[in-house]
């Protein structure tokens, strides 16, 4: 079902965050405009029409305080709308529908090309976040993974790690058992012999330790697999793994089992990868890129923070020595009070140093355009902020160059010629090429800003 840009609808059977056997998956770009389907009037151009029930469920979520950055509800000319914010990932609707929110990029030659390109960019950025499981995705296979919807990618990543754990062998422990048996095993409970032999003289009351796999981490593993049992194309693997865990009950209180497992963390080192998955799959709790967590019905990430994390991580990893890269550095302050107290700590996104040279970078998830008058449509607050960084760093750092980094697009594919705040404070606008692997992206960035 073709709609604006690369949004389309596909029906897939999966049971991802909530227990619905079937659901509709909508793949949409961030900043999409949603409206309910109606027979009275066609949908306005540039909007995505959702079934009335789905729209109503999203509307009920949108009026909650926590939904403010993700969904905004408004009425225009008598028609209801929901505006999706600058977020990417998955948003689960209680009726079983899932919205797959993707980065908004310049459209490709076809809807499928643009859809896969956006998924590939999203996966590439998610790989850079160390607390997320996407880091195990090989760059060479991103195009293949991008042909799957995000729920299926997540399911496959989980199963990869679960398979590795199953091959290594699950953690076991000894559990005390009290039973009456016809043969001696463990210790005879002498205080119960007389009573027991009267009722069943052929059996003795025994107490012994039995090796079992029924422990908190294994219960959590099975509960997560149970959540993925109808995920396609992974359903067969999930059923096989569930069969191998037949002697282990699924967790019925994931929070309690998770706390218990973490208290015994040394014993369960091999399960450390599982803890975030438990919170996502069983608790519906998606971690943000800042400290803390946000309870959202799905797995959502603020695009601006994700983009910044990707660029910062890539620069730290791929810029060669002796260049040093610092993210969110807090070395300087903007003001000093009359009493000598420093105030308003400066935190540029990235600072690169080499000898007496420094490069101060600010990373923005905004679309700008190379224009004949060289204005680029850059917001004034962004320019003022970087100027404040530059003046303060110039005092103590020697030579300083400034750069604003934006996602590369068809209308912004080359770095600008240097602007100047002052003669000794140059500024460049530089595109971040998201369609290429991170090492190549970093090489192009460095060539543009050095």
Protein backbone atom coordinates (compact mmCIF):
# COMPACT_ATOMS: atom_id res chain seq x y z
CA UNK A 1 0.00 0.00 0.00
CA UNK A 2 2.00 2.98 -1.25
CA UNK A 3 1.66 6.27 0.60
CA UNK A 4 3.86 9.33 0.91
CA UNK A 5 7.64 8.95 0.74
CA UNK A 6 8.56 5.37 1.60
CA UNK A 7 5.79 4.55 4.05
CA UNK A 8 3.95 1.33 3.37
CA UNK A 9 1.97 -1.32 5.14
CA UNK A 10 2.78 -4.98 5.40
CA UNK A 11 1.07 -7.73 7.36
CA UNK A 12 3.42 -9.97 9.27
CA UNK A 13 2.77 -12.54 11.98
CA UNK A 14 4.86 -11.76 15.01
CA UNK A 15 4.52 -11.54 18.76
CA UNK A 16 7.11 -9.07 19.80
CA UNK A 17 6.51 -6.75 22.71
CA UNK A 18 2.93 -7.62 23.56
CA UNK A 19 1.01 -10.87 23.29
CA UNK A 20 -0.89 -10.43 20.03
CA UNK A 21 -0.58 -13.32 17.57
CA UNK A 22 -0.90 -11.15 14.47
CA UNK A 23 -0.39 -7.50 13.79
CA UNK A 24 0.02 -4.90 11.10
CA UNK A 25 3.43 -3.34 10.67
CA UNK A 26 3.59 0.22 9.31
CA UNK A 27 7.01 1.44 8.17
CA UNK A 28 7.07 5.23 8.39
CA UNK A 29 9.66 8.01 8.46
CA UNK A 30 10.05 10.14 11.56
CA UNK A 31 7.98 13.35 11.55
CA UNK A 32 5.15 11.49 9.80
CA UNK A 33 1.62 12.84 9.96
CA UNK A 34 -1.00 10.24 10.92
CA UNK A 35 -4.76 10.48 10.49
CA UNK A 36 -7.67 8.02 10.87
CA UNK A 37 -9.13 6.34 7.81
CA UNK A 38 -12.54 7.63 6.85
CA UNK A 39 -14.92 7.02 3.97
CA UNK A 40 -16.16 10.61 4.05
CA UNK A 41 -13.06 12.25 2.66
CA UNK A 42 -9.74 11.18 1.13
CA UNK A 43 -6.63 11.45 3.23
CA UNK A 44 -4.74 14.72 2.79
CA UNK A 45 -1.56 14.46 0.75
CA UNK A 46 1.52 13.57 2.74
CA UNK A 47 -0.32 11.75 5.53
CA UNK A 48 -0.58 8.12 6.58
CA UNK A 49 -4.09 6.82 7.19
CA UNK A 50 -4.48 4.33 10.04
CA UNK A 51 -7.51 2.24 10.97
CA UNK A 52 -9.74 4.16 13.36
CA UNK A 53 -9.08 1.69 16.19
CA UNK A 54 -5.31 1.98 15.81
CA UNK A 55 -5.45 5.76 15.61
CA UNK A 56 -7.65 5.87 18.71
CA UNK A 57 -5.17 3.78 20.69
CA UNK A 58 -2.29 6.04 19.63
CA UNK A 59 -4.36 9.10 20.47
CA UNK A 60 -4.99 7.75 23.98
CA UNK A 61 -1.25 7.31 24.40
CA UNK A 62 -0.44 10.73 22.89
CA UNK A 63 -2.34 12.64 25.58
CA UNK A 64 -0.11 11.16 28.31
CA UNK A 65 2.74 13.33 29.52
CA UNK A 66 5.45 10.79 28.64
CA UNK A 67 4.30 10.72 25.01
CA UNK A 68 4.88 14.43 24.40
CA UNK A 69 8.18 14.10 22.51
CA UNK A 70 7.03 11.04 20.56
CA UNK A 71 3.47 11.86 19.45
CA UNK A 72 1.57 15.14 19.29
CA UNK A 73 -2.20 15.22 18.83
CA UNK A 74 -3.99 18.12 17.14
CA UNK A 75 -7.12 18.90 15.12
CA UNK A 76 -7.01 20.86 11.88
CA UNK A 77 -10.06 21.79 9.81
CA UNK A 78 -12.15 19.31 11.72
CA UNK A 79 -9.78 16.37 11.12
CA UNK A 80 -7.68 14.63 13.76
CA UNK A 81 -3.93 14.21 13.34
CA UNK A 82 -0.94 12.78 15.17
CA UNK A 83 2.52 14.12 14.46
CA UNK A 84 5.42 11.72 15.05
CA UNK A 85 8.43 13.38 16.64
CA UNK A 86 12.13 12.93 15.91
CA UNK A 87 12.21 9.35 17.18
CA UNK A 88 13.16 6.08 15.52
CA UNK A 89 12.55 2.46 16.45
CA UNK A 90 9.35 0.61 17.26
CA UNK A 91 6.08 1.87 18.71
CA UNK A 92 3.64 -0.86 19.75
CA UNK A 93 -0.10 -0.16 19.67
CA UNK A 94 -2.33 -2.14 22.06
CA UNK A 95 -4.40 -3.51 19.15
CA UNK A 96 -1.34 -5.41 17.88
CA UNK A 97 -0.23 -2.86 15.30
CA UNK A 98 3.41 -1.80 15.28
CA UNK A 99 4.86 1.40 13.85
CA UNK A 100 8.41 1.02 12.57
CA UNK A 101 9.80 4.57 12.68
CA UNK A 102 12.83 5.15 10.48
CA UNK A 103 15.22 8.07 9.89
CA UNK A 104 13.88 10.57 7.41
CA UNK A 105 16.34 10.74 4.55
CA UNK A 106 16.26 12.00 1.00
CA UNK A 107 13.99 9.67 -1.01
CA UNK A 108 15.63 7.02 -3.17
CA UNK A 109 14.70 5.91 -6.65
CA UNK A 110 11.81 3.82 -5.36
CA UNK A 111 9.89 3.28 -2.15
CA UNK A 112 11.67 -0.02 -1.51
CA UNK A 113 15.11 1.53 -2.09
CA UNK A 114 14.38 4.39 0.31
CA UNK A 115 12.89 2.04 2.90
CA UNK A 116 15.90 -0.28 2.87
CA UNK A 117 18.32 2.67 2.85
CA UNK A 118 16.64 4.14 5.93
CA UNK A 119 16.70 0.79 7.74
CA UNK A 120 20.36 0.36 6.85
CA UNK A 121 21.17 3.82 8.24
CA UNK A 122 19.22 3.09 11.42
CA UNK A 123 21.02 -0.23 11.96
CA UNK A 124 24.37 1.42 11.24
CA UNK A 125 23.72 4.06 13.90
CA UNK A 126 22.39 1.54 16.41
CA UNK A 127 25.59 -0.51 16.05
CA UNK A 128 27.53 2.34 17.64
CA UNK A 129 25.64 2.29 20.94
CA UNK A 130 27.57 -0.07 23.27
CA UNK A 131 24.58 -0.86 25.49
CA UNK A 132 22.53 -2.17 22.56
CA UNK A 133 22.73 -5.60 20.92
CA UNK A 134 23.13 -4.22 17.39
CA UNK A 135 26.90 -3.91 17.80
CA UNK A 136 27.24 -7.57 16.76
CA UNK A 137 25.80 -6.83 13.30
CA UNK A 138 28.55 -7.09 10.66
CA UNK A 139 28.74 -4.05 8.37
CA UNK A 140 29.01 -6.28 5.31
CA UNK A 141 25.58 -7.79 6.01
CA UNK A 142 23.65 -4.59 6.74
CA UNK A 143 22.00 -4.60 3.32
CA UNK A 144 20.71 -8.12 3.95
CA UNK A 145 19.47 -7.25 7.44
CA UNK A 146 17.79 -4.09 6.10
CA UNK A 147 15.40 -6.25 4.07
CA UNK A 148 13.83 -7.35 7.36
CA UNK A 149 11.55 -5.24 9.49
CA UNK A 150 13.13 -4.10 12.75
CA UNK A 151 11.17 -6.59 14.93
CA UNK A 152 12.64 -9.45 12.93
CA UNK A 153 16.15 -8.02 13.15
CA UNK A 154 15.82 -7.81 16.92
CA UNK A 155 14.47 -11.33 17.13
CA UNK A 156 17.34 -12.67 15.02
CA UNK A 157 19.92 -10.85 17.15
CA UNK A 158 18.44 -12.27 20.32
CA UNK A 159 18.44 -15.78 18.87
CA UNK A 160 22.10 -15.48 17.83
CA UNK A 161 23.14 -14.83 21.41
CA UNK A 162 20.70 -17.39 22.82
CA UNK A 163 22.13 -20.02 20.47
CA UNK A 164 25.66 -19.25 21.64
CA UNK A 165 24.59 -19.61 25.26
CA UNK A 166 22.79 -22.91 24.61
CA UNK A 167 25.86 -24.31 22.86
CA UNK A 168 28.07 -23.32 25.80
CA UNK A 169 25.67 -24.96 28.21
CA UNK A 170 23.19 -23.44 30.63
CA UNK A 171 24.10 -22.70 34.23
CA UNK A 172 22.85 -25.30 36.71
CA UNK A 173 22.71 -25.51 40.48
CA UNK A 174 21.91 -28.07 43.16
CA UNK A 175 18.47 -27.91 44.71
CA UNK A 176 17.61 -29.73 47.98
CA UNK A 177 14.92 -32.39 47.46
CA UNK A 178 12.92 -34.33 50.06
CA UNK A 179 11.32 -37.52 48.70
CA UNK A 180 10.41 -41.04 49.69
CA UNK A 181 12.19 -43.58 47.50
CA UNK A 182 12.75 -47.35 47.40
CA UNK A 183 16.55 -46.95 47.21
CA UNK A 184 18.94 -44.97 49.34
CA UNK A 185 20.07 -41.68 47.84
CA UNK A 186 21.52 -38.85 49.90
CA UNK A 187 20.64 -38.87 53.60
CA UNK A 188 17.92 -40.81 55.38
CA UNK A 189 15.70 -38.53 57.45
CA UNK A 190 15.72 -40.55 60.67
CA UNK A 191 13.14 -38.35 62.37
CA UNK A 192 10.58 -39.43 59.75
CA UNK A 193 11.43 -43.13 59.46
CA UNK A 194 8.86 -44.52 61.90
CA UNK A 195 5.98 -42.50 60.51
CA UNK A 196 6.97 -43.19 56.91
CA UNK A 197 7.48 -46.95 57.27
CA UNK A 198 4.01 -47.39 58.73
CA UNK A 199 2.37 -45.97 55.64
CA UNK A 200 4.83 -47.13 52.96
CA UNK A 201 7.26 -49.67 54.41
CA UNK A 202 9.03 -50.25 51.08
CA UNK A 203 10.15 -46.58 50.90
CA UNK A 204 12.53 -44.48 52.97
CA UNK A 205 12.30 -40.70 53.54
CA UNK A 206 15.39 -39.18 51.95
CA UNK A 207 16.96 -35.75 51.54
CA UNK A 208 19.38 -35.18 48.67
CA UNK A 209 20.62 -32.49 46.29
CA UNK A 210 19.53 -32.67 42.66
CA UNK A 211 21.18 -30.83 39.79
CA UNK A 212 18.64 -28.61 38.01
CA UNK A 213 18.52 -25.92 35.32
CA UNK A 214 15.54 -24.23 36.98
CA UNK A 215 17.15 -20.95 38.04
CA UNK A 216 16.34 -17.27 37.52
CA UNK A 217 18.45 -16.61 34.37
CA UNK A 218 17.17 -19.72 32.61
CA UNK A 219 13.57 -18.84 33.49
CA UNK A 220 14.13 -15.37 32.02
CA UNK A 221 15.69 -16.84 28.88
CA UNK A 222 12.68 -19.07 28.33
CA UNK A 223 10.24 -16.20 28.93
CA UNK A 224 12.02 -14.09 26.30
CA UNK A 225 11.96 -16.95 23.81
CA UNK A 226 8.27 -17.42 24.54
CA UNK A 227 7.70 -13.77 23.59
CA UNK A 228 9.38 -14.42 20.23
CA UNK A 229 7.71 -17.75 19.50
CA UNK A 230 5.72 -16.46 16.50
CA UNK A 231 8.43 -14.25 15.07
CA UNK A 232 9.04 -14.92 11.39
CA UNK A 233 11.29 -16.07 9.81
CA UNK A 234 12.69 -17.24 13.15
CA UNK A 235 9.69 -19.21 14.46
CA UNK A 236 11.22 -22.62 13.78
CA UNK A 237 14.44 -21.81 15.64
CA UNK A 238 12.47 -20.43 18.59
CA UNK A 239 10.39 -23.61 18.84
CA UNK A 240 13.55 -25.72 18.75
CA UNK A 241 15.11 -23.73 21.57
CA UNK A 242 11.92 -23.86 23.62
CA UNK A 243 11.91 -27.64 23.22
CA UNK A 244 15.46 -27.84 24.65
CA UNK A 245 14.24 -25.81 27.66
CA UNK A 246 11.23 -28.01 28.29
CA UNK A 247 12.34 -28.79 31.86
CA UNK A 248 12.55 -25.09 32.76
CA UNK A 249 9.44 -23.03 33.56
CA UNK A 250 9.17 -19.56 32.04
CA UNK A 251 9.53 -16.66 34.44
CA UNK A 252 6.23 -15.40 35.83
CA UNK A 253 7.82 -12.45 37.68
CA UNK A 254 10.57 -11.10 35.46
CA UNK A 255 11.50 -8.22 37.78
CA UNK A 256 12.05 -10.52 40.76
CA UNK A 257 13.98 -13.07 38.71
CA UNK A 258 16.12 -10.33 37.15
CA UNK A 259 16.98 -8.91 40.57
CA UNK A 260 17.84 -12.40 41.81
CA UNK A 261 20.06 -13.10 38.79
CA UNK A 262 21.92 -9.82 39.15
CA UNK A 263 22.60 -10.47 42.83
CA UNK A 264 24.47 -13.60 41.71
CA UNK A 265 26.13 -11.86 38.79
CA UNK A 266 29.49 -13.63 39.15
CA UNK A 267 27.84 -16.98 38.65
CA UNK A 268 25.91 -15.77 35.62
CA UNK A 269 28.53 -13.79 33.68
CA UNK A 270 27.59 -15.60 30.48
CA UNK A 271 24.05 -14.22 30.81
CA UNK A 272 25.02 -10.53 31.10
CA UNK A 273 23.81 -9.85 27.55
CA UNK A 274 20.34 -11.10 28.55
CA UNK A 275 19.52 -8.45 31.17
CA UNK A 276 18.73 -5.58 28.73
CA UNK A 277 16.66 -7.95 26.61
CA UNK A 278 14.58 -8.90 29.65
CA UNK A 279 13.73 -5.25 30.24
CA UNK A 280 12.87 -4.73 26.56
CA UNK A 281 11.00 -7.94 25.79
CA UNK A 282 9.32 -8.61 29.13
CA UNK A 283 9.15 -5.14 30.65
CA UNK A 284 8.54 -3.06 27.53
CA UNK A 285 11.21 -0.68 28.81
CA UNK A 286 13.33 0.92 26.15
CA UNK A 287 16.60 2.44 27.30
CA UNK A 288 17.34 5.96 26.15
CA UNK A 289 20.76 7.22 25.16
CA UNK A 290 20.92 9.31 28.33
CA UNK A 291 20.99 7.97 31.92
CA UNK A 292 17.77 6.36 33.05
CA UNK A 293 15.01 4.62 31.17
CA UNK A 294 11.71 5.65 29.68
CA UNK A 295 8.68 3.43 29.81
CA UNK A 296 7.33 3.45 26.30
CA UNK A 297 5.22 0.89 24.47
CA UNK A 298 8.00 -0.28 22.21
CA UNK A 299 11.68 0.39 21.59
CA UNK A 300 12.28 4.05 20.71
CA UNK A 301 15.34 6.25 20.44
CA UNK A 302 15.61 10.03 19.99
CA UNK A 303 17.13 10.42 16.53
CA UNK A 304 19.28 13.42 17.41
CA UNK A 305 20.96 11.62 20.32
CA UNK A 306 21.38 8.45 18.28
CA UNK A 307 23.02 10.38 15.43
CA UNK A 308 25.33 12.17 17.85
CA UNK A 309 26.28 8.88 19.54
CA UNK A 310 27.04 7.30 16.16
CA UNK A 311 29.27 10.12 14.95
CA UNK A 312 31.07 10.50 18.30
CA UNK A 313 31.69 6.77 18.63
CA UNK A 314 32.93 6.49 15.05
CA UNK A 315 35.36 9.40 15.45
CA UNK A 316 36.76 7.92 18.66
CA UNK A 317 37.18 4.52 17.07
CA UNK A 318 38.50 5.33 13.61
CA UNK A 319 40.52 8.55 13.85
CA UNK A 320 44.16 7.47 14.06
CA UNK A 321 46.66 8.37 16.76
CA UNK A 322 48.04 10.85 17.73
CA UNK A 323 44.62 12.51 17.35
CA UNK A 324 42.65 12.44 20.60
CA UNK A 325 38.85 12.54 20.57
CA UNK A 326 36.69 13.63 23.51
CA UNK A 327 32.88 13.40 23.63
CA UNK A 328 30.81 15.78 25.77
CA UNK A 329 33.95 17.28 27.24
CA UNK A 330 33.34 19.50 30.28
CA UNK A 331 36.70 21.22 30.64
CA UNK A 332 35.58 24.87 30.52
CA UNK A 333 32.82 27.13 31.85
CA UNK A 334 31.11 30.07 30.22
CA UNK A 335 31.04 32.44 33.23
CA UNK A 336 32.87 33.24 36.44
CA UNK A 337 30.84 34.93 39.19
CA UNK A 338 32.16 37.96 41.14
CA UNK A 339 32.92 35.51 43.92
CA UNK A 340 35.05 33.39 41.60
CA UNK A 341 32.59 30.50 41.14
CA UNK A 342 32.51 28.95 37.68
CA UNK A 343 29.08 28.65 36.09
CA UNK A 344 27.50 27.19 32.94
CA UNK A 345 29.79 24.33 32.00
CA UNK A 346 30.40 24.06 28.26
CA UNK A 347 29.83 20.63 26.70
CA UNK A 348 30.63 20.53 22.99
CA UNK A 349 29.62 17.28 21.33
CA UNK A 350 33.15 16.40 20.18
CA UNK A 351 36.60 17.93 20.64
CA UNK A 352 39.55 16.63 18.60
CA UNK A 353 43.11 17.59 19.60
CA UNK A 354 46.50 17.25 17.98
CA UNK A 355 49.37 19.20 19.49
CA UNK A 356 48.30 22.86 19.73
CA UNK A 357 45.40 22.41 17.29
CA UNK A 358 41.81 21.78 18.38
CA UNK A 359 38.64 21.06 16.42
CA UNK A 360 35.35 21.73 18.21
CA UNK A 361 32.39 19.96 16.61
CA UNK A 362 28.66 20.25 17.17
CA UNK A 363 26.44 17.50 15.73
CA UNK A 364 22.89 18.30 14.59
CA UNK A 365 20.18 15.99 13.26
CA UNK A 366 18.70 18.64 10.97
CA UNK A 367 18.39 18.97 7.23
CA UNK A 368 20.21 21.88 5.63
CA UNK A 369 20.61 22.80 1.98
CA UNK A 370 23.53 24.25 0.06
CA UNK A 371 22.12 27.50 -1.37
CA UNK A 372 23.61 29.94 -3.91
CA UNK A 373 23.82 32.65 -1.23
CA UNK A 374 25.72 30.26 1.09
CA UNK A 375 23.24 30.64 3.95
CA UNK A 376 22.53 26.88 4.19
CA UNK A 377 19.48 27.55 6.37
CA UNK A 378 21.49 27.01 9.56
CA UNK A 379 19.62 28.05 12.72
CA UNK A 380 21.06 31.10 14.49
CA UNK A 381 21.04 29.44 17.96
CA UNK A 382 23.32 26.72 16.57
CA UNK A 383 25.75 29.39 15.35
CA UNK A 384 25.67 31.29 18.65
CA UNK A 385 26.29 28.12 20.64
CA UNK A 386 29.32 27.13 18.59
CA UNK A 387 30.70 30.67 18.78
CA UNK A 388 30.57 30.51 22.58
CA UNK A 389 32.50 27.24 22.46
CA UNK A 390 35.04 28.68 20.02
CA UNK A 391 35.80 31.86 21.94
CA UNK A 392 36.34 29.97 25.20
CA UNK A 393 38.51 27.27 23.64
CA UNK A 394 40.53 29.82 21.67
CA UNK A 395 41.77 31.37 24.92
CA UNK A 396 43.54 28.21 26.12
CA UNK A 397 43.82 25.86 23.16
CA UNK A 398 45.96 27.68 20.58
CA UNK A 399 44.49 27.27 17.11
CA UNK A 400 40.80 26.32 16.99
CA UNK A 401 38.58 25.28 14.09
CA UNK A 402 34.81 24.92 14.40
CA UNK A 403 32.44 22.68 12.46
CA UNK A 404 28.72 21.99 12.45
CA UNK A 405 27.98 18.43 11.31
CA UNK A 406 24.66 17.60 9.63
CA UNK A 407 23.41 14.45 7.89
CA UNK A 408 24.39 14.43 4.26
CA UNK A 409 21.56 14.69 1.73
CA UNK A 410 21.17 15.12 -2.01
CA UNK A 411 21.17 18.90 -1.46
CA UNK A 412 24.02 18.90 1.06
CA UNK A 413 26.76 16.54 -0.05
CA UNK A 414 29.94 18.64 0.21
CA UNK A 415 31.48 20.66 3.02
CA UNK A 416 31.05 24.41 2.83
CA UNK A 417 33.86 26.82 2.20
CA UNK A 418 35.13 28.23 5.51
CA UNK A 419 33.03 30.91 7.17
CA UNK A 420 34.62 33.10 9.82
CA UNK A 421 33.27 34.35 13.12
CA UNK A 422 36.57 36.21 13.40
CA UNK A 423 39.84 35.98 11.53
CA UNK A 424 41.19 33.34 13.91
CA UNK A 425 37.92 31.40 14.30
CA UNK A 426 36.87 29.57 11.10
CA UNK A 427 33.62 27.60 10.79
CA UNK A 428 32.58 24.90 8.32
CA UNK A 429 29.32 23.09 7.66
CA UNK A 430 30.14 19.45 6.98
CA UNK A 431 27.88 16.58 5.81
CA UNK A 432 27.99 13.22 7.57
CA UNK A 433 27.66 10.56 4.90
CA UNK A 434 25.37 7.90 6.37
CA UNK A 435 25.23 5.69 3.28
CA UNK A 436 28.82 4.45 3.70
CA UNK A 437 30.49 2.38 6.46
CA UNK A 438 31.72 4.24 9.52
CA UNK A 439 35.47 4.11 8.67
CA UNK A 440 34.84 5.73 5.29
CA UNK A 441 32.48 8.27 6.84
CA UNK A 442 35.15 9.28 9.36
CA UNK A 443 37.83 9.56 6.65
CA UNK A 444 35.61 11.92 4.66
CA UNK A 445 34.78 13.98 7.74
CA UNK A 446 38.40 14.40 8.71
CA UNK A 447 39.38 15.38 5.19
CA UNK A 448 36.71 18.10 5.29
CA UNK A 449 37.50 19.59 8.71
CA UNK A 450 41.28 19.23 9.08
